[in-house]
């Protein structure tokens, strides 16, 4: 199954941001982009993450460094939540 992509210029136009911002996100490891035929594309699986970051940037006026911290903290929270579920399930076995 071939992965689908969105042209970054289309994404940026629809979200009223500059292409340079998405390239900065890529440079900082916050999103993945693909270069095909001299154009940059955003994988569809990255859209929710990219849209969340754009909202943080444009609506809440959070800078790139703040976005990096927020995304790292959200990853840690998700990991901890998964661990809590695992431990609760394990505890249920002993009750």
PDB file of N, CA and C in Angstrom:
ATOM      1  N   UNK A   1       0.848  -1.181   0.000  1.00  0.00           N
ATOM      2  CA  UNK A   1       0.000   0.000   0.000  1.00  0.00           C
ATOM      3  C   UNK A   1       0.890   1.240   0.000  1.00  0.00           C
ATOM      4  N   UNK A   2       0.652   2.112  -0.907  1.00  0.00           N
ATOM      5  CA  UNK A   2       1.460   3.312  -1.044  1.00  0.00           C
ATOM      6  C   UNK A   2       0.934   4.405  -0.114  1.00  0.00           C
ATOM      7  N   UNK A   3       1.860   5.079   0.556  1.00  0.00           N
ATOM      8  CA  UNK A   3       1.481   6.142   1.472  1.00  0.00           C
ATOM      9  C   UNK A   3       1.068   7.382   0.692  1.00  0.00           C
ATOM     10  N   UNK A   4       0.055   8.068   1.180  1.00  0.00           N
ATOM     11  CA  UNK A   4      -0.426   9.267   0.514  1.00  0.00           C
ATOM     12  C   UNK A   4       0.204  10.497   1.147  1.00  0.00           C
ATOM     13  N   UNK A   5       0.320  11.539   0.352  1.00  0.00           N
ATOM     14  CA  UNK A   5       0.997  12.755   0.786  1.00  0.00           C
ATOM     15  C   UNK A   5       0.184  13.989   0.424  1.00  0.00           C
ATOM     16  N   UNK A   6       0.471  15.069   1.125  1.00  0.00           N
ATOM     17  CA  UNK A   6      -0.115  16.372   0.836  1.00  0.00           C
ATOM     18  C   UNK A   6       1.030  17.312   0.494  1.00  0.00           C
ATOM     19  N   UNK A   7       0.879  18.046  -0.571  1.00  0.00           N
ATOM     20  CA  UNK A   7       1.883  19.022  -0.965  1.00  0.00           C
ATOM     21  C   UNK A   7       1.979  20.093   0.124  1.00  0.00           C
ATOM     22  N   UNK A   8       3.188  20.381   0.557  1.00  0.00           N
ATOM     23  CA  UNK A   8       3.368  21.317   1.667  1.00  0.00           C
ATOM     24  C   UNK A   8       2.834  22.706   1.320  1.00  0.00           C
ATOM     25  N   UNK A   9       2.999  23.120   0.096  1.00  0.00           N
ATOM     26  CA  UNK A   9       2.478  24.445  -0.275  1.00  0.00           C
ATOM     27  C   UNK A   9       0.954  24.499  -0.140  1.00  0.00           C
ATOM     28  N   UNK A  10       0.270  23.392  -0.462  1.00  0.00           N
ATOM     29  CA  UNK A  10      -1.186  23.336  -0.287  1.00  0.00           C
ATOM     30  C   UNK A  10      -1.556  23.393   1.191  1.00  0.00           C
ATOM     31  N   UNK A  11      -0.830  22.634   2.007  1.00  0.00           N
ATOM     32  CA  UNK A  11      -1.077  22.633   3.452  1.00  0.00           C
ATOM     33  C   UNK A  11      -0.884  24.040   4.023  1.00  0.00           C
ATOM     34  N   UNK A  12       0.204  24.681   3.635  1.00  0.00           N
ATOM     35  CA  UNK A  12       0.519  26.017   4.149  1.00  0.00           C
ATOM     36  C   UNK A  12      -0.504  27.051   3.694  1.00  0.00           C
ATOM     37  N   UNK A  13      -0.944  26.946   2.461  1.00  0.00           N
ATOM     38  CA  UNK A  13      -1.953  27.872   1.954  1.00  0.00           C
ATOM     39  C   UNK A  13      -3.258  27.718   2.722  1.00  0.00           C
ATOM     40  N   UNK A  14      -3.674  26.482   2.960  1.00  0.00           N
ATOM     41  CA  UNK A  14      -4.944  26.255   3.652  1.00  0.00           C
ATOM     42  C   UNK A  14      -4.886  26.646   5.124  1.00  0.00           C
ATOM     43  N   UNK A  15      -3.685  26.665   5.711  1.00  0.00           N
ATOM     44  CA  UNK A  15      -3.540  27.036   7.123  1.00  0.00           C
ATOM     45  C   UNK A  15      -2.954  28.435   7.307  1.00  0.00           C
ATOM     46  N   UNK A  16      -2.773  29.145   6.208  1.00  0.00           N
ATOM     47  CA  UNK A  16      -2.283  30.524   6.221  1.00  0.00           C
ATOM     48  C   UNK A  16      -0.953  30.670   6.975  1.00  0.00           C
ATOM     49  N   UNK A  17      -0.002  29.795   6.624  1.00  0.00           N
ATOM     50  CA  UNK A  17       1.347  29.858   7.189  1.00  0.00           C
ATOM     51  C   UNK A  17       2.358  29.791   6.051  1.00  0.00           C
ATOM     52  N   UNK A  18       3.595  30.113   6.371  1.00  0.00           N
ATOM     53  CA  UNK A  18       4.648  30.071   5.362  1.00  0.00           C
ATOM     54  C   UNK A  18       5.261  28.679   5.286  1.00  0.00           C
ATOM     55  N   UNK A  19       5.702  28.306   4.103  1.00  0.00           N
ATOM     56  CA  UNK A  19       6.346  27.009   3.889  1.00  0.00           C
ATOM     57  C   UNK A  19       7.585  26.871   4.758  1.00  0.00           C
ATOM     58  N   UNK A  20       8.257  27.973   4.975  1.00  0.00           N
ATOM     59  CA  UNK A  20       9.469  27.981   5.793  1.00  0.00           C
ATOM     60  C   UNK A  20       9.203  27.425   7.196  1.00  0.00           C
ATOM     61  N   UNK A  21       8.018  27.684   7.744  1.00  0.00           N
ATOM     62  CA  UNK A  21       7.683  27.192   9.082  1.00  0.00           C
ATOM     63  C   UNK A  21       7.661  25.664   9.112  1.00  0.00           C
ATOM     64  N   UNK A  22       7.064  25.037   8.120  1.00  0.00           N
ATOM     65  CA  UNK A  22       7.014  23.574   8.064  1.00  0.00           C
ATOM     66  C   UNK A  22       8.422  23.008   7.905  1.00  0.00           C
ATOM     67  N   UNK A  23       9.253  23.672   7.121  1.00  0.00           N
ATOM     68  CA  UNK A  23      10.639  23.218   6.967  1.00  0.00           C
ATOM     69  C   UNK A  23      11.404  23.349   8.279  1.00  0.00           C
ATOM     70  N   UNK A  24      11.103  24.369   9.077  1.00  0.00           N
ATOM     71  CA  UNK A  24      11.713  24.501  10.403  1.00  0.00           C
ATOM     72  C   UNK A  24      11.262  23.362  11.314  1.00  0.00           C
ATOM     73  N   UNK A  25       9.995  23.008  11.228  1.00  0.00           N
ATOM     74  CA  UNK A  25       9.487  21.886  12.024  1.00  0.00           C
ATOM     75  C   UNK A  25      10.226  20.608  11.655  1.00  0.00           C
ATOM     76  N   UNK A  26      10.450  20.422  10.372  1.00  0.00           N
ATOM     77  CA  UNK A  26      11.194  19.249   9.903  1.00  0.00           C
ATOM     78  C   UNK A  26      12.633  19.281  10.416  1.00  0.00           C
ATOM     79  N   UNK A  27      13.279  20.434  10.323  1.00  0.00           N
ATOM     80  CA  UNK A  27      14.665  20.566  10.786  1.00  0.00           C
ATOM     81  C   UNK A  27      14.805  20.270  12.276  1.00  0.00           C
ATOM     82  N   UNK A  28      13.748  20.549  13.040  1.00  0.00           N
ATOM     83  CA  UNK A  28      13.768  20.300  14.478  1.00  0.00           C
ATOM     84  C   UNK A  28      13.198  18.932  14.849  1.00  0.00           C
ATOM     85  N   UNK A  29      12.885  18.120  13.843  1.00  0.00           N
ATOM     86  CA  UNK A  29      12.414  16.761  14.093  1.00  0.00           C
ATOM     87  C   UNK A  29      10.981  16.662  14.574  1.00  0.00           C
ATOM     88  N   UNK A  30      10.189  17.692  14.349  1.00  0.00           N
ATOM     89  CA  UNK A  30       8.813  17.676  14.828  1.00  0.00           C
ATOM     90  C   UNK A  30       7.838  17.055  13.839  1.00  0.00           C
ATOM     91  N   UNK A  31       8.148  17.112  12.556  1.00  0.00           N
ATOM     92  CA  UNK A  31       7.327  16.461  11.527  1.00  0.00           C
ATOM     93  C   UNK A  31       8.247  15.817  10.496  1.00  0.00           C
ATOM     94  N   UNK A  32       7.697  14.876   9.765  1.00  0.00           N
ATOM     95  CA  UNK A  32       8.423  14.243   8.662  1.00  0.00           C
ATOM     96  C   UNK A  32       7.934  14.863   7.358  1.00  0.00           C
ATOM     97  N   UNK A  33       8.854  15.094   6.449  1.00  0.00           N
ATOM     98  CA  UNK A  33       8.473  15.520   5.108  1.00  0.00           C
ATOM     99  C   UNK A  33       9.237  14.668   4.105  1.00  0.00           C
ATOM    100  N   UNK A  34       8.712  14.633   2.890  1.00  0.00           N
ATOM    101  CA  UNK A  34       9.297  13.825   1.825  1.00  0.00           C
ATOM    102  C   UNK A  34       9.542  14.736   0.626  1.00  0.00           C
ATOM    103  N   UNK A  35      10.696  14.573   0.002  1.00  0.00           N
ATOM    104  CA  UNK A  35      11.019  15.329  -1.211  1.00  0.00           C
ATOM    105  C   UNK A  35      10.793  14.417  -2.409  1.00  0.00           C
ATOM    106  N   UNK A  36       9.867  14.820  -3.275  1.00  0.00           N
ATOM    107  CA  UNK A  36       9.574  14.079  -4.505  1.00  0.00           C
ATOM    108  C   UNK A  36       9.495  15.067  -5.647  1.00  0.00           C
ATOM    109  N   UNK A  37      10.249  14.792  -6.690  1.00  0.00           N
ATOM    110  CA  UNK A  37      10.195  15.608  -7.905  1.00  0.00           C
ATOM    111  C   UNK A  37      10.300  17.103  -7.596  1.00  0.00           C
ATOM    112  N   UNK A  38      11.276  17.469  -6.787  1.00  0.00           N
ATOM    113  CA  UNK A  38      11.563  18.863  -6.424  1.00  0.00           C
ATOM    114  C   UNK A  38      10.442  19.556  -5.651  1.00  0.00           C
ATOM    115  N   UNK A  39       9.567  18.786  -5.019  1.00  0.00           N
ATOM    116  CA  UNK A  39       8.502  19.352  -4.188  1.00  0.00           C
ATOM    117  C   UNK A  39       8.501  18.639  -2.846  1.00  0.00           C
ATOM    118  N   UNK A  40       8.160  19.378  -1.810  1.00  0.00           N
ATOM    119  CA  UNK A  40       8.081  18.802  -0.471  1.00  0.00           C
ATOM    120  C   UNK A  40       6.655  18.368  -0.179  1.00  0.00           C
ATOM    121  N   UNK A  41       6.547  17.193   0.438  1.00  0.00           N
ATOM    122  CA  UNK A  41       5.248  16.631   0.776  1.00  0.00           C
ATOM    123  C   UNK A  41       5.208  16.250   2.246  1.00  0.00           C
ATOM    124  N   UNK A  42       4.015  16.343   2.809  1.00  0.00           N
ATOM    125  CA  UNK A  42       3.759  15.949   4.181  1.00  0.00           C
ATOM    126  C   UNK A  42       2.950  14.653   4.143  1.00  0.00           C
ATOM    127  N   UNK A  43       3.446  13.579   4.786  1.00  0.00           N
ATOM    128  CA  UNK A  43       2.658  12.339   4.811  1.00  0.00           C
ATOM    129  C   UNK A  43       1.313  12.569   5.508  1.00  0.00           C
ATOM    130  N   UNK A  44       0.267  11.916   5.017  1.00  0.00           N
ATOM    131  CA  UNK A  44      -1.064  12.093   5.603  1.00  0.00           C
ATOM    132  C   UNK A  44      -1.090  11.748   7.084  1.00  0.00           C
ATOM    133  N   UNK A  45      -0.282  10.770   7.484  1.00  0.00           N
ATOM    134  CA  UNK A  45      -0.276  10.389   8.903  1.00  0.00           C
ATOM    135  C   UNK A  45       0.284  11.504   9.788  1.00  0.00           C
ATOM    136  N   UNK A  46       0.981  12.467   9.196  1.00  0.00           N
ATOM    137  CA  UNK A  46       1.550  13.591   9.942  1.00  0.00           C
ATOM    138  C   UNK A  46       0.582  14.777  10.050  1.00  0.00           C
ATOM    139  N   UNK A  47      -0.523  14.746   9.319  1.00  0.00           N
ATOM    140  CA  UNK A  47      -1.436  15.889   9.301  1.00  0.00           C
ATOM    141  C   UNK A  47      -1.971  16.273  10.676  1.00  0.00           C
ATOM    142  N   UNK A  48      -2.483  15.332  11.479  1.00  0.00           N
ATOM    143  CA  UNK A  48      -2.990  15.748  12.799  1.00  0.00           C
ATOM    144  C   UNK A  48      -1.917  16.418  13.658  1.00  0.00           C
ATOM    145  N   UNK A  49      -0.723  15.867  13.634  1.00  0.00           N
ATOM    146  CA  UNK A  49       0.371  16.443  14.411  1.00  0.00           C
ATOM    147  C   UNK A  49       0.737  17.826  13.882  1.00  0.00           C
ATOM    148  N   UNK A  50       0.844  17.963  12.569  1.00  0.00           N
ATOM    149  CA  UNK A  50       1.196  19.250  11.966  1.00  0.00           C
ATOM    150  C   UNK A  50       0.119  20.296  12.249  1.00  0.00           C
ATOM    151  N   UNK A  51      -1.143  19.894  12.180  1.00  0.00           N
ATOM    152  CA  UNK A  51      -2.228  20.835  12.449  1.00  0.00           C
ATOM    153  C   UNK A  51      -2.233  21.273  13.907  1.00  0.00           C
ATOM    154  N   UNK A  52      -1.934  20.359  14.813  1.00  0.00           N
ATOM    155  CA  UNK A  52      -1.846  20.703  16.234  1.00  0.00           C
ATOM    156  C   UNK A  52      -0.726  21.718  16.464  1.00  0.00           C
ATOM    157  N   UNK A  53       0.405  21.495  15.830  1.00  0.00           N
ATOM    158  CA  UNK A  53       1.541  22.407  15.970  1.00  0.00           C
ATOM    159  C   UNK A  53       1.209  23.775  15.379  1.00  0.00           C
ATOM    160  N   UNK A  54       0.542  23.788  14.239  1.00  0.00           N
ATOM    161  CA  UNK A  54       0.163  25.059  13.614  1.00  0.00           C
ATOM    162  C   UNK A  54      -0.779  25.837  14.526  1.00  0.00           C
ATOM    163  N   UNK A  55      -1.712  25.143  15.177  1.00  0.00           N
ATOM    164  CA  UNK A  55      -2.620  25.822  16.111  1.00  0.00           C
ATOM    165  C   UNK A  55      -1.854  26.413  17.290  1.00  0.00           C
ATOM    166  N   UNK A  56      -0.906  25.659  17.831  1.00  0.00           N
ATOM    167  CA  UNK A  56      -0.090  26.185  18.931  1.00  0.00           C
ATOM    168  C   UNK A  56       0.652  27.443  18.494  1.00  0.00           C
ATOM    169  N   UNK A  57       1.169  27.410  17.286  1.00  0.00           N
ATOM    170  CA  UNK A  57       1.963  28.521  16.763  1.00  0.00           C
ATOM    171  C   UNK A  57       1.103  29.742  16.421  1.00  0.00           C
ATOM    172  N   UNK A  58       0.032  29.521  15.684  1.00  0.00           N
ATOM    173  CA  UNK A  58      -0.732  30.664  15.176  1.00  0.00           C
ATOM    174  C   UNK A  58      -1.793  31.169  16.153  1.00  0.00           C
ATOM    175  N   UNK A  59      -2.491  30.268  16.829  1.00  0.00           N
ATOM    176  CA  UNK A  59      -3.572  30.702  17.711  1.00  0.00           C
ATOM    177  C   UNK A  59      -3.075  31.075  19.102  1.00  0.00           C
ATOM    178  N   UNK A  60      -2.076  30.357  19.607  1.00  0.00           N
ATOM    179  CA  UNK A  60      -1.577  30.630  20.954  1.00  0.00           C
ATOM    180  C   UNK A  60      -0.267  31.397  20.955  1.00  0.00           C
ATOM    181  N   UNK A  61       0.268  31.648  19.766  1.00  0.00           N
ATOM    182  CA  UNK A  61       1.500  32.427  19.607  1.00  0.00           C
ATOM    183  C   UNK A  61       2.674  31.819  20.384  1.00  0.00           C
ATOM    184  N   UNK A  62       2.802  30.503  20.311  1.00  0.00           N
ATOM    185  CA  UNK A  62       3.906  29.799  20.968  1.00  0.00           C
ATOM    186  C   UNK A  62       5.034  29.640  19.958  1.00  0.00           C
ATOM    187  N   UNK A  63       6.246  29.982  20.371  1.00  0.00           N
ATOM    188  CA  UNK A  63       7.385  29.911  19.453  1.00  0.00           C
ATOM    189  C   UNK A  63       7.844  28.466  19.258  1.00  0.00           C
ATOM    190  N   UNK A  64       8.777  28.282  18.358  1.00  0.00           N
ATOM    191  CA  UNK A  64       9.237  26.946  17.982  1.00  0.00           C
ATOM    192  C   UNK A  64       9.825  26.183  19.164  1.00  0.00           C
ATOM    193  N   UNK A  65      10.589  26.867  19.997  1.00  0.00           N
ATOM    194  CA  UNK A  65      11.187  26.213  21.162  1.00  0.00           C
ATOM    195  C   UNK A  65      10.109  25.741  22.131  1.00  0.00           C
ATOM    196  N   UNK A  66       9.083  26.559  22.329  1.00  0.00           N
ATOM    197  CA  UNK A  66       7.970  26.174  23.191  1.00  0.00           C
ATOM    198  C   UNK A  66       7.210  24.989  22.630  1.00  0.00           C
ATOM    199  N   UNK A  67       7.046  24.965  21.319  1.00  0.00           N
ATOM    200  CA  UNK A  67       6.362  23.846  20.667  1.00  0.00           C
ATOM    201  C   UNK A  67       7.152  22.560  20.857  1.00  0.00           C
ATOM    202  N   UNK A  68       8.472  22.644  20.761  1.00  0.00           N
ATOM    203  CA  UNK A  68       9.310  21.461  20.985  1.00  0.00           C
ATOM    204  C   UNK A  68       9.111  20.917  22.392  1.00  0.00           C
ATOM    205  N   UNK A  69       9.107  21.800  23.382  1.00  0.00           N
ATOM    206  CA  UNK A  69       8.919  21.377  24.773  1.00  0.00           C
ATOM    207  C   UNK A  69       7.546  20.747  24.949  1.00  0.00           C
ATOM    208  N   UNK A  70       6.523  21.379  24.409  1.00  0.00           N
ATOM    209  CA  UNK A  70       5.158  20.869  24.540  1.00  0.00           C
ATOM    210  C   UNK A  70       5.031  19.490  23.909  1.00  0.00           C
ATOM    211  N   UNK A  71       5.575  19.296  22.714  1.00  0.00           N
ATOM    212  CA  UNK A  71       5.453  17.989  22.055  1.00  0.00           C
ATOM    213  C   UNK A  71       6.217  16.909  22.816  1.00  0.00           C
ATOM    214  N   UNK A  72       7.369  17.258  23.383  1.00  0.00           N
ATOM    215  CA  UNK A  72       8.111  16.275  24.180  1.00  0.00           C
ATOM    216  C   UNK A  72       7.336  15.897  25.441  1.00  0.00           C
ATOM    217  N   UNK A  73       6.733  16.882  26.094  1.00  0.00           N
ATOM    218  CA  UNK A  73       5.939  16.596  27.290  1.00  0.00           C
ATOM    219  C   UNK A  73       4.712  15.752  26.954  1.00  0.00           C
ATOM    220  N   UNK A  74       4.065  16.040  25.827  1.00  0.00           N
ATOM    221  CA  UNK A  74       2.909  15.239  25.419  1.00  0.00           C
ATOM    222  C   UNK A  74       3.302  13.792  25.135  1.00  0.00           C
ATOM    223  N   UNK A  75       4.476  13.589  24.524  1.00  0.00           N
ATOM    224  CA  UNK A  75       4.965  12.224  24.289  1.00  0.00           C
ATOM    225  C   UNK A  75       5.190  11.501  25.611  1.00  0.00           C
ATOM    226  N   UNK A  76       5.783  12.196  26.576  1.00  0.00           N
ATOM    227  CA  UNK A  76       6.028  11.588  27.888  1.00  0.00           C
ATOM    228  C   UNK A  76       4.718  11.234  28.580  1.00  0.00           C
ATOM    229  N   UNK A  77       3.725  12.111  28.484  1.00  0.00           N
ATOM    230  CA  UNK A  77       2.424  11.845  29.093  1.00  0.00           C
ATOM    231  C   UNK A  77       1.789  10.616  28.465  1.00  0.00           C
ATOM    232  N   UNK A  78       1.820  10.519  27.130  1.00  0.00           N
ATOM    233  CA  UNK A  78       1.248   9.358  26.442  1.00  0.00           C
ATOM    234  C   UNK A  78       1.947   8.074  26.867  1.00  0.00           C
ATOM    235  N   UNK A  79       3.261   8.123  26.991  1.00  0.00           N
ATOM    236  CA  UNK A  79       4.026   6.952  27.413  1.00  0.00           C
ATOM    237  C   UNK A  79       3.654   6.559  28.843  1.00  0.00           C
ATOM    238  N   UNK A  80       3.519   7.543  29.716  1.00  0.00           N
ATOM    239  CA  UNK A  80       3.159   7.259  31.102  1.00  0.00           C
ATOM    240  C   UNK A  80       1.740   6.708  31.201  1.00  0.00           C
ATOM    241  N   UNK A  81       0.825   7.224  30.388  1.00  0.00           N
ATOM    242  CA  UNK A  81      -0.541   6.715  30.391  1.00  0.00           C
ATOM    243  C   UNK A  81      -0.581   5.261  29.936  1.00  0.00           C
ATOM    244  N   UNK A  82       0.203   4.933  28.925  1.00  0.00           N
ATOM    245  CA  UNK A  82       0.268   3.545  28.456  1.00  0.00           C
ATOM    246  C   UNK A  82       0.840   2.649  29.549  1.00  0.00           C
ATOM    247  N   UNK A  83       1.834   3.136  30.259  1.00  0.00           N
ATOM    248  CA  UNK A  83       2.429   2.354  31.342  1.00  0.00           C
ATOM    249  C   UNK A  83       1.438   2.157  32.485  1.00  0.00           C
ATOM    250  N   UNK A  84       0.649   3.168  32.794  1.00  0.00           N
ATOM    251  CA  UNK A  84      -0.366   3.047  33.841  1.00  0.00           C
ATOM    252  C   UNK A  84      -1.395   1.991  33.460  1.00  0.00           C
ATOM    253  N   UNK A  85      -1.838   2.006  32.217  1.00  0.00           N
ATOM    254  CA  UNK A  85      -2.801   1.001  31.752  1.00  0.00           C
ATOM    255  C   UNK A  85      -2.203  -0.393  31.862  1.00  0.00           C
ATOM    256  N   UNK A  86      -0.958  -0.534  31.445  1.00  0.00           N
ATOM    257  CA  UNK A  86      -0.273  -1.823  31.535  1.00  0.00           C
ATOM    258  C   UNK A  86      -0.203  -2.294  32.986  1.00  0.00           C
ATOM    259  N   UNK A  87       0.180  -1.413  33.881  1.00  0.00           N
ATOM    260  CA  UNK A  87       0.311  -1.785  35.290  1.00  0.00           C
ATOM    261  C   UNK A  87      -1.043  -2.101  35.920  1.00  0.00           C
ATOM    262  N   UNK A  88      -2.087  -1.361  35.550  1.00  0.00           N
ATOM    263  CA  UNK A  88      -3.428  -1.661  36.057  1.00  0.00           C
ATOM    264  C   UNK A  88      -3.876  -3.044  35.594  1.00  0.00           C
ATOM    265  N   UNK A  89      -3.626  -3.355  34.329  1.00  0.00           N
ATOM    266  CA  UNK A  89      -3.992  -4.674  33.812  1.00  0.00           C
ATOM    267  C   UNK A  89      -3.219  -5.772  34.521  1.00  0.00           C
ATOM    268  N   UNK A  90      -1.965  -5.531  34.782  1.00  0.00           N
ATOM    269  CA  UNK A  90      -1.141  -6.509  35.486  1.00  0.00           C
ATOM    270  C   UNK A  90      -1.636  -6.684  36.921  1.00  0.00           C
ATOM    271  N   UNK A  91      -2.013  -5.592  37.562  1.00  0.00           N
ATOM    272  CA  UNK A  91      -2.524  -5.644  38.925  1.00  0.00           C
ATOM    273  C   UNK A  91      -3.840  -6.413  38.985  1.00  0.00           C
ATOM    274  N   UNK A  92      -4.679  -6.243  37.969  1.00  0.00           N
ATOM    275  CA  UNK A  92      -5.955  -6.956  37.922  1.00  0.00           C
ATOM    276  C   UNK A  92      -5.757  -8.467  37.910  1.00  0.00           C
ATOM    277  N   UNK A  93      -4.649  -8.934  37.369  1.00  0.00           N
ATOM    278  CA  UNK A  93      -4.370 -10.366  37.351  1.00  0.00           C
ATOM    279  C   UNK A  93      -4.159 -10.921  38.754  1.00  0.00           C
ATOM    280  N   UNK A  94      -3.665 -10.103  39.660  1.00  0.00           N
ATOM    281  CA  UNK A  94      -3.343 -10.551  41.011  1.00  0.00           C
ATOM    282  C   UNK A  94      -4.471 -10.321  42.002  1.00  0.00           C
ATOM    283  N   UNK A  95      -5.517  -9.659  41.594  1.00  0.00           N
ATOM    284  CA  UNK A  95      -6.642  -9.408  42.508  1.00  0.00           C
ATOM    285  C   UNK A  95      -7.646 -10.522  42.479  1.00  0.00           C
TER     286      UNK A  95
END
